[in-house]
Structure formats: C-alpha cells, structure tokens
Amino acid sequence: MDMTTQDETKAVLLDQRAAQRFGLALRLTIDGDEGATHDLSTTGLFFESETAYVPGQTFEMVLEFPGANGTRKLNCQAEVVRVTPVEQGFNVAVRLLTPLFPEA
C-alpha cells in the first residue's frame, strides 16, 4: 500500500498530539444540551453537537462513564479549539482544562 504525501502529513499530525486518543462514544451534557463523544484523551475530546460553539469559548461539561456499578459522572472544564459544521450540527474539538480523573 502506497501512502501519498497527504496521508503521510496526516499521520505525522496525529503522532504530534499531546496524548493518545481513544475512540469512545460517551454521553455528555453541556448546559442541559446533550451530545456524544467521538473520541477522547487525557487532554481533550471530540464530540458532535447541535450547538455552534466558538473557538476560545470555555464551559463546564459532564461526561458519563458507564460501569459495572452504574454510571459515573465526571465534571470538567473545557475550552473549544475547533468547530466544524457537518450536515446535522457541528463537530467540536475541546482541550480539557481540568483532568478527567483527578488524584484522590
């Protein structure tokens, strides 16, 4: 399989991320509006929304992690870094301003 220069550039950009991303669909809530993540890492996440957020905007979000003992809700602060219009809403990339799992 031959990689084009564009494919190689994309691979390099993905490797330069601050933290490894994991494809994971989690329910999230921001100011009462619900969405779902596409992927997340320890430093950020990517989700779809019906709201057109603005780069630089900050907000508190609640992520819901399902588990054997029920759903664990985690509150965190986030800053919008990118918004991309799609057919039915927006894809939003955010940088987490608070850690997902603070030390106990």
C-alpha atoms as a PDB file:
ATOM      1  CA  MET A   1       0.000   0.000   0.000  1.00  0.00           C
ATOM      2  CA  ASP A   2       1.490   3.341  -1.052  1.00  0.00           C
ATOM      3  CA  MET A   3       0.974   6.396   1.125  1.00  0.00           C
ATOM      4  CA  THR A   4       0.548   9.762  -0.533  1.00  0.00           C
ATOM      5  CA  THR A   5       2.232  12.866   0.813  1.00  0.00           C
ATOM      6  CA  GLN A   6      -1.128  13.984   2.206  1.00  0.00           C
ATOM      7  CA  ASP A   7      -1.560  10.651   4.044  1.00  0.00           C
ATOM      8  CA  GLU A   8       1.960  10.961   5.464  1.00  0.00           C
ATOM      9  CA  THR A   9       1.234  14.512   6.659  1.00  0.00           C
ATOM     10  CA  LYS A  10      -1.950  13.336   8.389  1.00  0.00           C
ATOM     11  CA  ALA A  11      -0.044  10.527  10.102  1.00  0.00           C
ATOM     12  CA  VAL A  12       2.602  12.954  11.384  1.00  0.00           C
ATOM     13  CA  LEU A  13      -0.052  15.368  12.674  1.00  0.00           C
ATOM     14  CA  LEU A  14      -1.804  12.560  14.553  1.00  0.00           C
ATOM     15  CA  ASP A  15       1.502  11.490  16.105  1.00  0.00           C
ATOM     16  CA  GLN A  16       2.105  15.040  17.390  1.00  0.00           C
ATOM     17  CA  ARG A  17      -0.925  15.042  19.672  1.00  0.00           C
ATOM     18  CA  ALA A  18      -0.197  15.617  23.341  1.00  0.00           C
ATOM     19  CA  ALA A  19      -1.902  12.384  24.381  1.00  0.00           C
ATOM     20  CA  GLN A  20      -3.171   9.189  22.790  1.00  0.00           C
ATOM     21  CA  ARG A  21      -6.826   9.368  21.720  1.00  0.00           C
ATOM     22  CA  PHE A  22      -9.321   6.554  22.152  1.00  0.00           C
ATOM     23  CA  GLY A  23     -12.432   6.099  20.028  1.00  0.00           C
ATOM     24  CA  LEU A  24     -15.172   6.093  22.637  1.00  0.00           C
ATOM     25  CA  ALA A  25     -18.818   7.131  22.489  1.00  0.00           C
ATOM     26  CA  LEU A  26     -19.795   8.674  25.818  1.00  0.00           C
ATOM     27  CA  ARG A  27     -22.829  10.733  26.661  1.00  0.00           C
ATOM     28  CA  LEU A  28     -22.009  14.319  27.623  1.00  0.00           C
ATOM     29  CA  THR A  29     -24.033  17.280  28.825  1.00  0.00           C
ATOM     30  CA  ILE A  30     -23.215  20.975  28.458  1.00  0.00           C
ATOM     31  CA  ASP A  31     -25.682  23.493  29.926  1.00  0.00           C
ATOM     32  CA  GLY A  32     -28.513  20.967  29.597  1.00  0.00           C
ATOM     33  CA  ASP A  33     -27.684  20.117  25.960  1.00  0.00           C
ATOM     34  CA  GLU A  34     -26.693  16.521  25.321  1.00  0.00           C
ATOM     35  CA  GLY A  35     -24.131  15.192  22.884  1.00  0.00           C
ATOM     36  CA  ALA A  36     -21.863  12.215  22.348  1.00  0.00           C
ATOM     37  CA  THR A  37     -18.089  11.932  22.154  1.00  0.00           C
ATOM     38  CA  HIS A  38     -16.294  10.507  19.110  1.00  0.00           C
ATOM     39  CA  ASP A  39     -13.003  10.132  20.911  1.00  0.00           C
ATOM     40  CA  LEU A  40     -11.156  11.358  23.972  1.00  0.00           C
ATOM     41  CA  SER A  41      -7.763  11.524  25.617  1.00  0.00           C
ATOM     42  CA  THR A  42      -6.398  12.804  28.900  1.00  0.00           C
ATOM     43  CA  THR A  43      -6.053  16.288  27.381  1.00  0.00           C
ATOM     44  CA  GLY A  44      -9.109  16.718  25.157  1.00  0.00           C
ATOM     45  CA  LEU A  45     -12.056  15.274  23.329  1.00  0.00           C
ATOM     46  CA  PHE A  46     -14.022  15.468  20.100  1.00  0.00           C
ATOM     47  CA  PHE A  47     -17.824  15.430  20.096  1.00  0.00           C
ATOM     48  CA  GLU A  48     -20.851  16.211  17.979  1.00  0.00           C
ATOM     49  CA  SER A  49     -23.371  18.851  18.961  1.00  0.00           C
ATOM     50  CA  GLU A  50     -26.295  20.853  17.643  1.00  0.00           C
ATOM     51  CA  THR A  51     -24.744  23.981  19.193  1.00  0.00           C
ATOM     52  CA  ALA A  52     -22.277  26.163  17.260  1.00  0.00           C
ATOM     53  CA  TYR A  53     -19.608  26.765  19.889  1.00  0.00           C
ATOM     54  CA  VAL A  54     -16.912  29.386  19.294  1.00  0.00           C
ATOM     55  CA  PRO A  55     -13.166  28.667  19.443  1.00  0.00           C
ATOM     56  CA  GLY A  56     -11.829  30.004  22.739  1.00  0.00           C
ATOM     57  CA  GLN A  57     -15.201  29.548  24.482  1.00  0.00           C
ATOM     58  CA  THR A  58     -14.992  27.751  27.831  1.00  0.00           C
ATOM     59  CA  PHE A  59     -17.662  25.768  29.619  1.00  0.00           C
ATOM     60  CA  GLU A  60     -18.265  23.012  32.139  1.00  0.00           C
ATOM     61  CA  MET A  61     -19.277  19.621  30.794  1.00  0.00           C
ATOM     62  CA  VAL A  62     -20.430  16.388  32.389  1.00  0.00           C
ATOM     63  CA  LEU A  63     -19.168  13.117  30.916  1.00  0.00           C
ATOM     64  CA  GLU A  64     -20.951   9.864  31.737  1.00  0.00           C
ATOM     65  CA  PHE A  65     -18.773   6.746  32.026  1.00  0.00           C
ATOM     66  CA  PRO A  66     -20.809   3.507  32.188  1.00  0.00           C
ATOM     67  CA  GLY A  67     -19.523   0.812  34.505  1.00  0.00           C
ATOM     68  CA  ALA A  68     -20.443  -2.381  36.305  1.00  0.00           C
ATOM     69  CA  ASN A  69     -21.599  -0.380  39.344  1.00  0.00           C
ATOM     70  CA  GLY A  70     -23.613   2.175  37.369  1.00  0.00           C
ATOM     71  CA  THR A  71     -22.756   5.365  35.534  1.00  0.00           C
ATOM     72  CA  ARG A  72     -20.028   7.635  36.859  1.00  0.00           C
ATOM     73  CA  LYS A  73     -20.494  11.319  36.069  1.00  0.00           C
ATOM     74  CA  LEU A  74     -17.376  13.439  35.777  1.00  0.00           C
ATOM     75  CA  ASN A  75     -17.416  17.239  35.694  1.00  0.00           C
ATOM     76  CA  CYS A  76     -14.663  19.027  33.818  1.00  0.00           C
ATOM     77  CA  GLN A  77     -13.874  22.426  32.329  1.00  0.00           C
ATOM     78  CA  ALA A  78     -13.135  22.619  28.597  1.00  0.00           C
ATOM     79  CA  GLU A  79     -12.033  25.157  26.004  1.00  0.00           C
ATOM     80  CA  VAL A  80     -13.169  24.932  22.376  1.00  0.00           C
ATOM     81  CA  VAL A  81     -10.249  24.672  19.952  1.00  0.00           C
ATOM     82  CA  ARG A  82     -12.072  23.815  16.703  1.00  0.00           C
ATOM     83  CA  VAL A  83     -15.638  23.720  15.346  1.00  0.00           C
ATOM     84  CA  THR A  84     -16.530  22.078  12.023  1.00  0.00           C
ATOM     85  CA  PRO A  85     -20.035  22.319  10.511  1.00  0.00           C
ATOM     86  CA  VAL A  86     -21.490  18.972   9.404  1.00  0.00           C
ATOM     87  CA  GLU A  87     -24.859  18.038   7.887  1.00  0.00           C
ATOM     88  CA  GLN A  88     -26.796  17.932  11.144  1.00  0.00           C
ATOM     89  CA  GLY A  89     -24.854  20.105  13.552  1.00  0.00           C
ATOM     90  CA  PHE A  90     -21.211  20.573  14.442  1.00  0.00           C
ATOM     91  CA  ASN A  91     -18.138  18.552  15.298  1.00  0.00           C
ATOM     92  CA  VAL A  92     -16.365  20.186  18.227  1.00  0.00           C
ATOM     93  CA  ALA A  93     -12.811  19.653  19.493  1.00  0.00           C
ATOM     94  CA  VAL A  94     -12.031  20.808  23.024  1.00  0.00           C
ATOM     95  CA  ARG A  95      -8.990  20.958  25.279  1.00  0.00           C
ATOM     96  CA  LEU A  96      -9.681  19.845  28.830  1.00  0.00           C
ATOM     97  CA  LEU A  97      -8.797  22.470  31.430  1.00  0.00           C
ATOM     98  CA  THR A  98      -9.322  20.058  34.339  1.00  0.00           C
ATOM     99  CA  PRO A  99      -8.190  16.422  34.454  1.00  0.00           C
ATOM    100  CA  LEU A 100     -10.756  13.694  33.815  1.00  0.00           C
ATOM    101  CA  PHE A 101      -9.622  11.662  36.796  1.00  0.00           C
ATOM    102  CA  PRO A 102      -8.150  13.929  39.478  1.00  0.00           C
ATOM    103  CA  GLU A 103      -5.917  12.240  42.012  1.00  0.00           C
ATOM    104  CA  ALA A 104      -7.752  11.176  45.160  1.00  0.00           C
END
